[in-house]
Structure formats: C-alpha cells, structure tokens
Protein backbone atom coordinates (compact mmCIF):
# COMPACT_ATOMS: atom_id res chain seq x y z
CA UNK A 1 13.99 5.97 17.75
CA UNK A 2 10.61 6.55 15.83
CA UNK A 3 8.76 7.78 19.53
CA UNK A 4 10.61 10.41 19.10
CA UNK A 5 10.48 11.09 15.98
CA UNK A 6 6.96 14.07 14.96
CA UNK A 7 5.03 12.85 12.01
CA UNK A 8 1.42 14.20 10.79
CA UNK A 9 -1.36 12.13 9.15
CA UNK A 10 -2.03 13.87 5.31
CA UNK A 11 -5.10 11.92 3.93
CA UNK A 12 -4.51 12.51 0.08
CA UNK A 13 -8.58 10.48 -0.81
CA UNK A 14 -7.89 9.74 -4.29
CA UNK A 15 -7.59 5.66 -5.79
CA UNK A 16 -4.01 4.67 -5.30
CA UNK A 17 -2.11 4.20 -8.45
CA UNK A 18 1.08 5.74 -10.72
CA UNK A 19 -0.69 9.39 -11.46
CA UNK A 20 -3.10 9.73 -8.32
CA UNK A 21 -1.99 12.30 -5.69
CA UNK A 22 -1.41 9.53 -3.18
CA UNK A 23 0.74 7.90 -6.28
CA UNK A 24 2.98 11.05 -6.60
CA UNK A 25 3.31 11.80 -3.28
CA UNK A 26 4.57 8.46 -1.98
CA UNK A 27 7.15 7.80 -4.89
CA UNK A 28 8.55 11.80 -4.46
CA UNK A 29 9.04 10.90 -0.58
CA UNK A 30 10.47 7.94 -0.81
CA UNK A 31 12.89 9.00 -3.32
CA UNK A 32 13.95 12.07 -1.66
CA UNK A 33 14.60 10.47 1.58
CA UNK A 34 16.18 7.05 0.13
CA UNK A 35 19.76 6.94 0.12
CA UNK A 36 20.10 3.63 -2.19
CA UNK A 37 22.63 4.46 -4.46
CA UNK A 38 23.77 7.83 -3.27
CA UNK A 39 26.38 8.91 -0.44
CA UNK A 40 24.63 8.34 3.08
CA UNK A 41 23.46 11.43 4.33
CA UNK A 42 21.36 10.93 7.90
CA UNK A 43 22.57 7.29 7.69
CA UNK A 44 20.02 4.99 9.61
CA UNK A 45 21.04 4.53 13.94
CA UNK A 46 23.42 1.26 14.59
CA UNK A 47 20.25 -0.52 16.16
CA UNK A 48 17.91 0.10 12.95
CA UNK A 49 16.18 -3.45 12.46
CA UNK A 50 16.24 -2.75 8.50
CA UNK A 51 20.40 -3.44 9.24
CA UNK A 52 19.92 -7.15 9.55
CA UNK A 53 17.02 -7.37 6.53
CA UNK A 54 17.57 -9.98 3.69
CA UNK A 55 16.56 -7.08 1.03
CA UNK A 56 18.92 -5.24 -0.14
CA UNK A 57 17.76 -1.85 -1.21
CA UNK A 58 16.14 -2.18 2.51
CA UNK A 59 19.41 -2.07 3.72
CA UNK A 60 20.86 0.36 1.49
CA UNK A 61 18.34 2.80 1.16
CA UNK A 62 17.65 3.53 4.81
CA UNK A 63 13.38 3.09 4.33
CA UNK A 64 11.60 0.28 5.02
CA UNK A 65 10.69 -0.17 1.51
CA UNK A 66 11.73 -1.78 -1.90
CA UNK A 67 9.89 0.87 -4.31
CA UNK A 68 11.15 3.73 -5.26
CA UNK A 69 14.20 3.89 -3.45
CA UNK A 70 16.53 3.80 -6.03
CA UNK A 71 14.48 6.35 -8.38
CA UNK A 72 16.13 9.97 -9.42
CA UNK A 73 13.91 12.58 -6.72
CA UNK A 74 11.35 14.50 -8.70
CA UNK A 75 11.27 18.10 -6.55
CA UNK A 76 7.43 18.83 -8.10
CA UNK A 77 6.16 16.20 -6.00
CA UNK A 78 6.15 19.04 -3.32
CA UNK A 79 3.76 21.13 -5.19
CA UNK A 80 1.27 18.13 -4.67
CA UNK A 81 1.42 17.28 -1.02
CA UNK A 82 2.17 21.52 -0.38
CA UNK A 83 -1.77 21.69 -2.06
CA UNK A 84 -2.77 19.07 0.63
CA UNK A 85 -1.12 19.91 3.45
CA UNK A 86 -2.81 23.95 3.18
CA UNK A 87 -5.99 21.98 2.45
CA UNK A 88 -6.32 20.45 5.87
CA UNK A 89 -4.51 22.21 8.02
C-alpha cells in the first residue's frame, strides 16, 4: 500500500532530455528499482494492480513503467541525485 510508504519530492529544475539531471535520475532510479529480467528481490504485493496490466514490462518489473526497466543500473546516478538532495534539504 503506497499510503504507508514515505516519499520525498526532489525538485530538479532543468529541461527534460536524456542527458539532463532529471533524465539521469529518472533512468537510474527506474533501472535500480526494476525487477524486469532479474530474480525478484522485493516483489509487489499480491493485490498490486500492475499484475493485471497488459504490458509485460509493467507486470515483470514491479513498476508502472515501460521505459528503462530493462536497462542496467548505473550507480553514478546517485551522485547526481545526492547533489540535488544536498541543495534542497
């Protein structure tokens, strides 16, 4: 249940494109959290609506996303994200 999960909004004010900070953070976070093509470490709950989605990548990744779910995780995105966290905390 997402209502019980903590979250933070991180303002990244740049134009969205693949090499922008926003693009790097989005791509990195999705590839880190995705379980697409990997052994499931933290599977969604049995009641997660994504299990009924017609898109295989959504069902198998555990995320409501088709983009970047099968990409390899690049830990360098954490440095970009950290710089935004430090300036916005």
